[in-house]
Structure formats: C-alpha cells, structure tokens
C-alpha cells in the first residue's frame, strides 16, 4: 500500500516531540508513584520529618561555620590590636617616667633657687622694721631645712632584664590631683627667732607690728619678755618667733647686679 504525505515535515516534528516527551523525567509522577506505593501515613510523616531534620542540621552547620569563621577573624584582629596597644602603653609609661624624673630634678633646682634670697629679704625687712633704741642680739632659724635629697625621692628602678612590677588589678591609680601635687616644688617653711633688747616697751610693740606688716614675714609672736641688766642699765629683753612668707610676684623687686673692677 502506498502512502502520500501531503504535509511535509509534520512527521519529523511529531517524532521529535514524542522522543522529547518520552525522554523527560516527570517528578510529580515519580513522587506520586512513591506516595501511592507507601500507604502508611506514619511512614510518610517520618520521612518528611527526617528530610526536615537533615535540612535543619545542614542550615545550622552552615550558619555555625560562618559564625566560627567570623569570630576567629575578630579574635585575630583583637590580638593584633592588643599587642599594638600594649606596645604603645609601654612607650607612654616610659615617657611619663622620664618626664616625671626631669620634673622632679627641675623642682629641686627651682626650690633651691627660690630659697637663695630668703635670708637677704628677711634681714632687710628686720632692719627696716627695727625702731630706735632697740637692737637685736641674735637671729637664727629654729626649724631644720629640707635637704635636697628629701626634695626629690626617686622611685626604685627595676633590675635590668626584669619588668617593673604592675599594680594589682584591684589597686586604684593615684588621683591626678595627688600626682600633680607630687610634681610641685617642695616649699621649705622657714621659722626663725629674734632675740633683742629695748629700752622702750612700746618700741617692741611697734617692732612687732612692722614685722607683721611685711610681705615676707608672718606669724610674729612674743614668746618671752623680761628685764635684764645691760651695761649697768635696765633693759627689756624679748624673744620673737616668726615664719617666712612667700610674697606675691608683684611685690618682688629685681635690680640688675653690676660689678666694677678696679684697675
């Protein structure tokens, strides 16, 4: 029997579509076939739960792995920052220790320099305040002056190769006010005594008033007064105690020192 194809090409397309349909995988049909074969609903629920558990464990594993990687990177960065900051802090402590040492030495020099002209000022004020018919027999300092060793107490340096001891974790750092006060020059309180004679008791009172009015002297007190015989005459012997007072900068008068050399 002879067949004539009046539509050329239709047979090839049909054959190709048939082959494509035959070679494709129908997932819906496959799952439906599996479900159809499994008739127990508990088994289906167990399989679904197992699939959900496996998916959940996988997601948790991925999340925990990413979090562990992030924490590891942060830890490495923190260790690097800690090492860098520790070096910076050690350099800062070393610089502060050198600065404090220099400040203590400068304060010693400054305190010694400030006390150079104390007694010239005191003697000048005493002689200016001394009234007529009154004379002094002695002027002396009654307290012990602060030595240069006591002005600057250096902290004990650590042994070579051994790090300096660190303060305990619970120990509080010294307050800034106390640290600043430790760097201030030590003021040497000068107390002095004057022993003199006068033939007029009012002259002694005037002498005390003039001394108290001086910007360099404070705390003038009469500690003893009695009648004595001086060169066959009766005079009043008195003992005065006072302290040196540091005046304001505006009250200090500075004059140039000139020296003429004789040829």
C-alpha atoms as a PDB file:
ATOM      1  CA  UNK A   1       0.000   0.000   0.000  1.00  0.00           C
ATOM      2  CA  UNK A   2       1.380   3.438  -0.981  1.00  0.00           C
ATOM      3  CA  UNK A   3       1.016   6.470   1.420  1.00  0.00           C
ATOM      4  CA  UNK A   4       1.490  10.049   0.303  1.00  0.00           C
ATOM      5  CA  UNK A   5       2.405  12.708   2.867  1.00  0.00           C
ATOM      6  CA  UNK A   6       0.586  15.893   1.912  1.00  0.00           C
ATOM      7  CA  UNK A   7       2.195  17.894   4.833  1.00  0.00           C
ATOM      8  CA  UNK A   8       5.949  17.726   4.515  1.00  0.00           C
ATOM      9  CA  UNK A   9       7.875  17.995   7.825  1.00  0.00           C
ATOM     10  CA  UNK A  10       4.979  17.187  10.136  1.00  0.00           C
ATOM     11  CA  UNK A  11       6.169  13.697  10.685  1.00  0.00           C
ATOM     12  CA  UNK A  12       9.620  14.754  11.863  1.00  0.00           C
ATOM     13  CA  UNK A  13       8.203  17.255  14.334  1.00  0.00           C
ATOM     14  CA  UNK A  14       5.904  14.648  15.731  1.00  0.00           C
ATOM     15  CA  UNK A  15       8.608  12.145  16.099  1.00  0.00           C
ATOM     16  CA  UNK A  16      10.871  14.675  17.856  1.00  0.00           C
ATOM     17  CA  UNK A  17       8.143  15.708  20.303  1.00  0.00           C
ATOM     18  CA  UNK A  18       7.350  12.099  21.003  1.00  0.00           C
ATOM     19  CA  UNK A  19      11.010  11.418  21.756  1.00  0.00           C
ATOM     20  CA  UNK A  20      11.294  14.502  23.990  1.00  0.00           C
ATOM     21  CA  UNK A  21       8.215  13.523  25.901  1.00  0.00           C
ATOM     22  CA  UNK A  22       9.497  10.025  26.264  1.00  0.00           C
ATOM     23  CA  UNK A  23      12.982  11.070  27.462  1.00  0.00           C
ATOM     24  CA  UNK A  24      11.819  13.735  30.096  1.00  0.00           C
ATOM     25  CA  UNK A  25      11.563  12.916  33.832  1.00  0.00           C
ATOM     26  CA  UNK A  26       8.209  13.700  35.409  1.00  0.00           C
ATOM     27  CA  UNK A  27       8.961  14.376  39.089  1.00  0.00           C
ATOM     28  CA  UNK A  28       5.357  14.811  40.034  1.00  0.00           C
ATOM     29  CA  UNK A  29       4.509  11.441  38.636  1.00  0.00           C
ATOM     30  CA  UNK A  30       7.520   9.887  40.316  1.00  0.00           C
ATOM     31  CA  UNK A  31       6.638  11.332  43.749  1.00  0.00           C
ATOM     32  CA  UNK A  32       3.028  10.426  43.246  1.00  0.00           C
ATOM     33  CA  UNK A  33       4.057   6.877  42.397  1.00  0.00           C
ATOM     34  CA  UNK A  34       6.190   6.603  45.516  1.00  0.00           C
ATOM     35  CA  UNK A  35       3.430   8.034  47.718  1.00  0.00           C
ATOM     36  CA  UNK A  36       0.970   5.733  46.087  1.00  0.00           C
ATOM     37  CA  UNK A  37       3.132   2.750  46.880  1.00  0.00           C
ATOM     38  CA  UNK A  38       3.539   3.864  50.528  1.00  0.00           C
ATOM     39  CA  UNK A  39       0.156   3.532  52.102  1.00  0.00           C
ATOM     40  CA  UNK A  40       1.211   4.044  55.784  1.00  0.00           C
ATOM     41  CA  UNK A  41       0.734   7.741  56.800  1.00  0.00           C
ATOM     42  CA  UNK A  42       3.126   7.383  59.772  1.00  0.00           C
ATOM     43  CA  UNK A  43       5.896   6.322  57.440  1.00  0.00           C
ATOM     44  CA  UNK A  44       5.225   9.331  55.244  1.00  0.00           C
ATOM     45  CA  UNK A  45       5.375  11.650  58.308  1.00  0.00           C
ATOM     46  CA  UNK A  46       8.629  10.038  59.438  1.00  0.00           C
ATOM     47  CA  UNK A  47      10.176  10.539  56.026  1.00  0.00           C
ATOM     48  CA  UNK A  48       9.076  14.200  55.965  1.00  0.00           C
ATOM     49  CA  UNK A  49      10.437  14.734  59.469  1.00  0.00           C
ATOM     50  CA  UNK A  50      13.751  13.141  58.501  1.00  0.00           C
ATOM     51  CA  UNK A  51      14.027  15.379  55.467  1.00  0.00           C
ATOM     52  CA  UNK A  52      13.227  18.450  57.612  1.00  0.00           C
ATOM     53  CA  UNK A  53      15.811  17.422  60.255  1.00  0.00           C
ATOM     54  CA  UNK A  54      18.513  16.891  57.634  1.00  0.00           C
ATOM     55  CA  UNK A  55      17.731  20.281  56.071  1.00  0.00           C
ATOM     56  CA  UNK A  56      17.763  21.984  59.517  1.00  0.00           C
ATOM     57  CA  UNK A  57      21.063  20.372  60.514  1.00  0.00           C
ATOM     58  CA  UNK A  58      22.588  21.456  57.235  1.00  0.00           C
ATOM     59  CA  UNK A  59      21.449  25.031  57.694  1.00  0.00           C
ATOM     60  CA  UNK A  60      22.726  25.111  61.303  1.00  0.00           C
ATOM     61  CA  UNK A  61      26.065  23.674  60.207  1.00  0.00           C
ATOM     62  CA  UNK A  62      26.471  26.326  57.551  1.00  0.00           C
ATOM     63  CA  UNK A  63      25.468  29.092  59.965  1.00  0.00           C
ATOM     64  CA  UNK A  64      27.769  27.895  62.760  1.00  0.00           C
ATOM     65  CA  UNK A  65      30.678  27.522  60.337  1.00  0.00           C
ATOM     66  CA  UNK A  66      30.225  31.096  59.110  1.00  0.00           C
ATOM     67  CA  UNK A  67      29.919  32.378  62.689  1.00  0.00           C
ATOM     68  CA  UNK A  68      33.051  30.493  63.797  1.00  0.00           C
ATOM     69  CA  UNK A  69      34.981  31.968  60.861  1.00  0.00           C
ATOM     70  CA  UNK A  70      33.808  35.464  61.775  1.00  0.00           C
ATOM     71  CA  UNK A  71      34.727  35.027  65.467  1.00  0.00           C
ATOM     72  CA  UNK A  72      38.160  33.677  64.537  1.00  0.00           C
ATOM     73  CA  UNK A  73      38.843  36.719  62.389  1.00  0.00           C
ATOM     74  CA  UNK A  74      37.673  39.044  65.160  1.00  0.00           C
ATOM     75  CA  UNK A  75      39.872  37.239  67.696  1.00  0.00           C
ATOM     76  CA  UNK A  76      42.938  37.574  65.486  1.00  0.00           C
ATOM     77  CA  UNK A  77      42.191  41.277  64.967  1.00  0.00           C
ATOM     78  CA  UNK A  78      41.736  41.777  68.724  1.00  0.00           C
ATOM     79  CA  UNK A  79      45.056  40.036  69.467  1.00  0.00           C
ATOM     80  CA  UNK A  80      46.854  42.246  66.952  1.00  0.00           C
ATOM     81  CA  UNK A  81      45.231  45.388  68.393  1.00  0.00           C
ATOM     82  CA  UNK A  82      46.077  44.302  71.942  1.00  0.00           C
ATOM     83  CA  UNK A  83      49.724  43.748  71.019  1.00  0.00           C
ATOM     84  CA  UNK A  84      49.932  47.111  69.281  1.00  0.00           C
ATOM     85  CA  UNK A  85      48.201  48.955  72.141  1.00  0.00           C
ATOM     86  CA  UNK A  86      50.379  47.212  74.742  1.00  0.00           C
ATOM     87  CA  UNK A  87      53.478  48.489  72.948  1.00  0.00           C
ATOM     88  CA  UNK A  88      52.026  51.995  72.789  1.00  0.00           C
ATOM     89  CA  UNK A  89      51.120  51.926  76.507  1.00  0.00           C
ATOM     90  CA  UNK A  90      54.608  50.731  77.471  1.00  0.00           C
ATOM     91  CA  UNK A  91      56.156  53.561  75.476  1.00  0.00           C
ATOM     92  CA  UNK A  92      53.758  56.015  77.125  1.00  0.00           C
ATOM     93  CA  UNK A  93      54.642  54.786  80.636  1.00  0.00           C
ATOM     94  CA  UNK A  94      58.360  55.029  79.834  1.00  0.00           C
ATOM     95  CA  UNK A  95      57.947  58.564  78.507  1.00  0.00           C
ATOM     96  CA  UNK A  96      55.890  59.587  81.555  1.00  0.00           C
ATOM     97  CA  UNK A  97      58.527  58.125  83.891  1.00  0.00           C
ATOM     98  CA  UNK A  98      61.255  60.141  82.148  1.00  0.00           C
ATOM     99  CA  UNK A  99      59.086  63.256  82.260  1.00  0.00           C
ATOM    100  CA  UNK A 100      58.410  62.832  85.999  1.00  0.00           C
ATOM    101  CA  UNK A 101      62.115  62.315  86.687  1.00  0.00           C
ATOM    102  CA  UNK A 102      63.009  65.502  84.806  1.00  0.00           C
ATOM    103  CA  UNK A 103      60.228  67.409  86.587  1.00  0.00           C
ATOM    104  CA  UNK A 104      61.478  66.281  89.994  1.00  0.00           C
ATOM    105  CA  UNK A 105      65.001  67.422  89.173  1.00  0.00           C
ATOM    106  CA  UNK A 106      63.711  70.750  87.888  1.00  0.00           C
ATOM    107  CA  UNK A 107      61.623  71.190  91.036  1.00  0.00           C
ATOM    108  CA  UNK A 108      64.686  70.580  93.191  1.00  0.00           C
ATOM    109  CA  UNK A 109      66.619  73.216  91.249  1.00  0.00           C
ATOM    110  CA  UNK A 110      63.664  75.605  91.359  1.00  0.00           C
ATOM    111  CA  UNK A 111      63.156  75.188  95.104  1.00  0.00           C
ATOM    112  CA  UNK A 112      66.855  75.755  95.785  1.00  0.00           C
ATOM    113  CA  UNK A 113      66.834  78.789  93.508  1.00  0.00           C
ATOM    114  CA  UNK A 114      63.746  80.209  95.193  1.00  0.00           C
ATOM    115  CA  UNK A 115      65.367  79.940  98.624  1.00  0.00           C
ATOM    116  CA  UNK A 116      68.600  81.677  97.678  1.00  0.00           C
ATOM    117  CA  UNK A 117      67.405  85.166  98.593  1.00  0.00           C
ATOM    118  CA  UNK A 118      65.191  84.296 101.545  1.00  0.00           C
ATOM    119  CA  UNK A 119      67.570  85.426 104.241  1.00  0.00           C
ATOM    120  CA  UNK A 120      68.615  88.642 102.458  1.00  0.00           C
ATOM    121  CA  UNK A 121      64.932  89.586 102.254  1.00  0.00           C
ATOM    122  CA  UNK A 122      64.348  88.661 105.900  1.00  0.00           C
ATOM    123  CA  UNK A 123      67.356  90.607 107.182  1.00  0.00           C
ATOM    124  CA  UNK A 124      66.386  93.580 105.046  1.00  0.00           C
ATOM    125  CA  UNK A 125      62.835  93.569 106.431  1.00  0.00           C
ATOM    126  CA  UNK A 126      64.037  93.136 110.017  1.00  0.00           C
ATOM    127  CA  UNK A 127      66.494  96.016 109.721  1.00  0.00           C
ATOM    128  CA  UNK A 128      63.848  98.234 108.109  1.00  0.00           C
ATOM    129  CA  UNK A 129      61.322  97.497 110.877  1.00  0.00           C
ATOM    130  CA  UNK A 130      63.769  97.910 113.761  1.00  0.00           C
ATOM    131  CA  UNK A 131      62.764 101.044 115.731  1.00  0.00           C
ATOM    132  CA  UNK A 132      65.159 103.401 117.566  1.00  0.00           C
ATOM    133  CA  UNK A 133      66.624 102.375 120.932  1.00  0.00           C
ATOM    134  CA  UNK A 134      66.094  98.727 120.023  1.00  0.00           C
ATOM    135  CA  UNK A 135      68.781  96.293 118.943  1.00  0.00           C
ATOM    136  CA  UNK A 136      68.989  92.580 118.185  1.00  0.00           C
ATOM    137  CA  UNK A 137      71.466  90.168 119.713  1.00  0.00           C
ATOM    138  CA  UNK A 138      70.717  87.096 117.578  1.00  0.00           C
ATOM    139  CA  UNK A 139      68.660  85.962 114.590  1.00  0.00           C
ATOM    140  CA  UNK A 140      68.565  82.244 113.876  1.00  0.00           C
ATOM    141  CA  UNK A 141      66.475  79.635 112.137  1.00  0.00           C
ATOM    142  CA  UNK A 142      64.603  77.367 114.521  1.00  0.00           C
ATOM    143  CA  UNK A 143      63.476  74.564 112.189  1.00  0.00           C
ATOM    144  CA  UNK A 144      65.587  72.109 110.192  1.00  0.00           C
ATOM    145  CA  UNK A 145      65.710  72.976 106.480  1.00  0.00           C
ATOM    146  CA  UNK A 146      64.677  70.355 103.952  1.00  0.00           C
ATOM    147  CA  UNK A 147      67.654  68.754 102.293  1.00  0.00           C
ATOM    148  CA  UNK A 148      67.977  68.290  98.553  1.00  0.00           C
ATOM    149  CA  UNK A 149      67.726  64.505  98.994  1.00  0.00           C
ATOM    150  CA  UNK A 150      64.356  64.873 100.682  1.00  0.00           C
ATOM    151  CA  UNK A 151      63.091  67.204  97.959  1.00  0.00           C
ATOM    152  CA  UNK A 152      63.340  64.562  95.226  1.00  0.00           C
ATOM    153  CA  UNK A 153      62.656  60.984  96.239  1.00  0.00           C
ATOM    154  CA  UNK A 154      63.283  58.884  93.145  1.00  0.00           C
ATOM    155  CA  UNK A 155      61.292  55.629  92.838  1.00  0.00           C
ATOM    156  CA  UNK A 156      63.354  52.460  92.908  1.00  0.00           C
ATOM    157  CA  UNK A 157      64.330  51.444  89.369  1.00  0.00           C
ATOM    158  CA  UNK A 158      63.630  47.810  88.355  1.00  0.00           C
ATOM    159  CA  UNK A 159      66.553  45.481  87.882  1.00  0.00           C
ATOM    160  CA  UNK A 160      67.897  45.100  84.360  1.00  0.00           C
ATOM    161  CA  UNK A 161      66.085  42.360  82.482  1.00  0.00           C
ATOM    162  CA  UNK A 162      63.240  42.299  84.972  1.00  0.00           C
ATOM    163  CA  UNK A 163      59.980  44.081  84.131  1.00  0.00           C
ATOM    164  CA  UNK A 164      58.640  46.666  86.502  1.00  0.00           C
ATOM    165  CA  UNK A 165      56.005  45.470  88.932  1.00  0.00           C
ATOM    166  CA  UNK A 166      52.487  46.268  87.827  1.00  0.00           C
ATOM    167  CA  UNK A 167      49.823  47.412  90.254  1.00  0.00           C
ATOM    168  CA  UNK A 168      47.275  44.866  91.368  1.00  0.00           C
ATOM    169  CA  UNK A 169      44.016  44.584  89.469  1.00  0.00           C
ATOM    170  CA  UNK A 170      42.034  45.988  92.387  1.00  0.00           C
ATOM    171  CA  UNK A 171      44.522  48.737  93.233  1.00  0.00           C
ATOM    172  CA  UNK A 172      43.321  52.201  92.402  1.00  0.00           C
ATOM    173  CA  UNK A 173      45.509  54.562  90.402  1.00  0.00           C
ATOM    174  CA  UNK A 174      46.731  57.689  92.215  1.00  0.00           C
ATOM    175  CA  UNK A 175      44.364  60.591  91.679  1.00  0.00           C
ATOM    176  CA  UNK A 176      45.531  63.285  89.247  1.00  0.00           C
ATOM    177  CA  UNK A 177      45.494  65.928  91.984  1.00  0.00           C
ATOM    178  CA  UNK A 178      47.904  63.905  94.146  1.00  0.00           C
ATOM    179  CA  UNK A 179      50.186  63.183  91.181  1.00  0.00           C
ATOM    180  CA  UNK A 180      50.240  66.861  90.233  1.00  0.00           C
ATOM    181  CA  UNK A 181      50.963  67.850  93.841  1.00  0.00           C
ATOM    182  CA  UNK A 182      53.890  65.428  93.929  1.00  0.00           C
ATOM    183  CA  UNK A 183      55.440  67.229  90.969  1.00  0.00           C
ATOM    184  CA  UNK A 184      55.210  70.659  92.592  1.00  0.00           C
ATOM    185  CA  UNK A 185      58.380  72.029  94.170  1.00  0.00           C
ATOM    186  CA  UNK A 186      58.635  71.442  97.886  1.00  0.00           C
ATOM    187  CA  UNK A 187      58.150  74.643  99.867  1.00  0.00           C
ATOM    188  CA  UNK A 188      60.628  74.941 102.702  1.00  0.00           C
ATOM    189  CA  UNK A 189      58.865  76.526 105.694  1.00  0.00           C
ATOM    190  CA  UNK A 190      61.402  78.742 107.426  1.00  0.00           C
ATOM    191  CA  UNK A 191      60.828  79.583 111.071  1.00  0.00           C
ATOM    192  CA  UNK A 192      63.224  81.972 112.766  1.00  0.00           C
ATOM    193  CA  UNK A 193      63.757  83.559 116.143  1.00  0.00           C
ATOM    194  CA  UNK A 194      64.968  87.050 117.053  1.00  0.00           C
ATOM    195  CA  UNK A 195      66.384  87.949 120.418  1.00  0.00           C
ATOM    196  CA  UNK A 196      66.799  91.631 121.183  1.00  0.00           C
ATOM    197  CA  UNK A 197      66.787  94.363 123.766  1.00  0.00           C
ATOM    198  CA  UNK A 198      64.900  97.622 124.017  1.00  0.00           C
ATOM    199  CA  UNK A 199      64.654 100.477 126.455  1.00  0.00           C
ATOM    200  CA  UNK A 200      61.054 101.228 125.458  1.00  0.00           C
ATOM    201  CA  UNK A 201      58.307  98.607 125.662  1.00  0.00           C
ATOM    202  CA  UNK A 202      56.271 100.498 123.075  1.00  0.00           C
ATOM    203  CA  UNK A 203      59.188 100.240 120.645  1.00  0.00           C
ATOM    204  CA  UNK A 204      58.991  96.460 120.917  1.00  0.00           C
ATOM    205  CA  UNK A 205      55.247  96.571 120.160  1.00  0.00           C
ATOM    206  CA  UNK A 206      55.883  98.819 117.158  1.00  0.00           C
ATOM    207  CA  UNK A 207      58.630  96.445 116.002  1.00  0.00           C
ATOM    208  CA  UNK A 208      56.206  93.522 116.059  1.00  0.00           C
ATOM    209  CA  UNK A 209      53.583  95.481 114.109  1.00  0.00           C
ATOM    210  CA  UNK A 210      56.064  96.466 111.404  1.00  0.00           C
ATOM    211  CA  UNK A 211      57.292  92.892 111.073  1.00  0.00           C
ATOM    212  CA  UNK A 212      53.727  91.570 110.729  1.00  0.00           C
ATOM    213  CA  UNK A 213      53.026  94.155 108.013  1.00  0.00           C
ATOM    214  CA  UNK A 214      55.975  92.930 105.949  1.00  0.00           C
ATOM    215  CA  UNK A 215      55.032  90.764 102.932  1.00  0.00           C
ATOM    216  CA  UNK A 216      57.932  88.426 103.766  1.00  0.00           C
ATOM    217  CA  UNK A 217      57.101  87.720 107.428  1.00  0.00           C
ATOM    218  CA  UNK A 218      54.045  86.239 109.104  1.00  0.00           C
ATOM    219  CA  UNK A 219      53.043  84.756 112.442  1.00  0.00           C
ATOM    220  CA  UNK A 220      55.008  87.136 114.642  1.00  0.00           C
ATOM    221  CA  UNK A 221      54.638  86.101 118.308  1.00  0.00           C
ATOM    222  CA  UNK A 222      56.239  87.237 121.524  1.00  0.00           C
ATOM    223  CA  UNK A 223      57.453  84.142 123.370  1.00  0.00           C
ATOM    224  CA  UNK A 224      59.412  85.743 126.210  1.00  0.00           C
ATOM    225  CA  UNK A 225      59.951  89.172 127.726  1.00  0.00           C
ATOM    226  CA  UNK A 226      61.938  90.003 130.871  1.00  0.00           C
ATOM    227  CA  UNK A 227      64.030  92.750 132.451  1.00  0.00           C
ATOM    228  CA  UNK A 228      67.791  92.335 132.324  1.00  0.00           C
ATOM    229  CA  UNK A 229      70.790  94.494 133.167  1.00  0.00           C
ATOM    230  CA  UNK A 230      72.827  95.527 130.108  1.00  0.00           C
ATOM    231  CA  UNK A 231      75.949  97.643 130.704  1.00  0.00           C
ATOM    232  CA  UNK A 232      74.626  98.722 134.073  1.00  0.00           C
ATOM    233  CA  UNK A 233      71.236  99.757 132.694  1.00  0.00           C
ATOM    234  CA  UNK A 234      67.904  98.019 132.955  1.00  0.00           C
ATOM    235  CA  UNK A 235      66.521  96.985 129.524  1.00  0.00           C
ATOM    236  CA  UNK A 236      63.748  94.707 128.319  1.00  0.00           C
ATOM    237  CA  UNK A 237      64.924  91.547 126.631  1.00  0.00           C
ATOM    238  CA  UNK A 238      62.411  89.974 124.224  1.00  0.00           C
ATOM    239  CA  UNK A 239      62.246  86.821 122.091  1.00  0.00           C
ATOM    240  CA  UNK A 240      60.123  86.882 118.918  1.00  0.00           C
ATOM    241  CA  UNK A 241      59.114  83.884 116.778  1.00  0.00           C
ATOM    242  CA  UNK A 242      58.006  84.265 113.149  1.00  0.00           C
ATOM    243  CA  UNK A 243      57.770  82.451 109.816  1.00  0.00           C
ATOM    244  CA  UNK A 244      58.903  83.337 106.331  1.00  0.00           C
ATOM    245  CA  UNK A 245      56.016  84.131 103.972  1.00  0.00           C
ATOM    246  CA  UNK A 246      56.454  83.861 100.225  1.00  0.00           C
ATOM    247  CA  UNK A 247      55.242  87.163  98.786  1.00  0.00           C
ATOM    248  CA  UNK A 248      53.343  87.751  95.583  1.00  0.00           C
ATOM    249  CA  UNK A 249      55.334  88.087  92.382  1.00  0.00           C
ATOM    250  CA  UNK A 250      54.303  91.716  92.004  1.00  0.00           C
ATOM    251  CA  UNK A 251      55.916  92.605  95.344  1.00  0.00           C
ATOM    252  CA  UNK A 252      59.328  91.247  94.431  1.00  0.00           C
ATOM    253  CA  UNK A 253      61.633  93.927  93.040  1.00  0.00           C
ATOM    254  CA  UNK A 254      64.532  92.812  90.899  1.00  0.00           C
ATOM    255  CA  UNK A 255      67.555  95.041  90.232  1.00  0.00           C
ATOM    256  CA  UNK A 256      70.480  94.334  87.956  1.00  0.00           C
ATOM    257  CA  UNK A 257      73.726  93.319  89.609  1.00  0.00           C
ATOM    258  CA  UNK A 258      76.719  95.313  88.456  1.00  0.00           C
ATOM    259  CA  UNK A 259      80.336  94.851  89.441  1.00  0.00           C
ATOM    260  CA  UNK A 260      83.052  97.412  88.849  1.00  0.00           C
ATOM    261  CA  UNK A 261      86.544  96.046  88.520  1.00  0.00           C
ATOM    262  CA  UNK A 262      89.300  98.338  89.890  1.00  0.00           C
ATOM    263  CA  UNK A 263      92.341  98.582  87.692  1.00  0.00           C
END
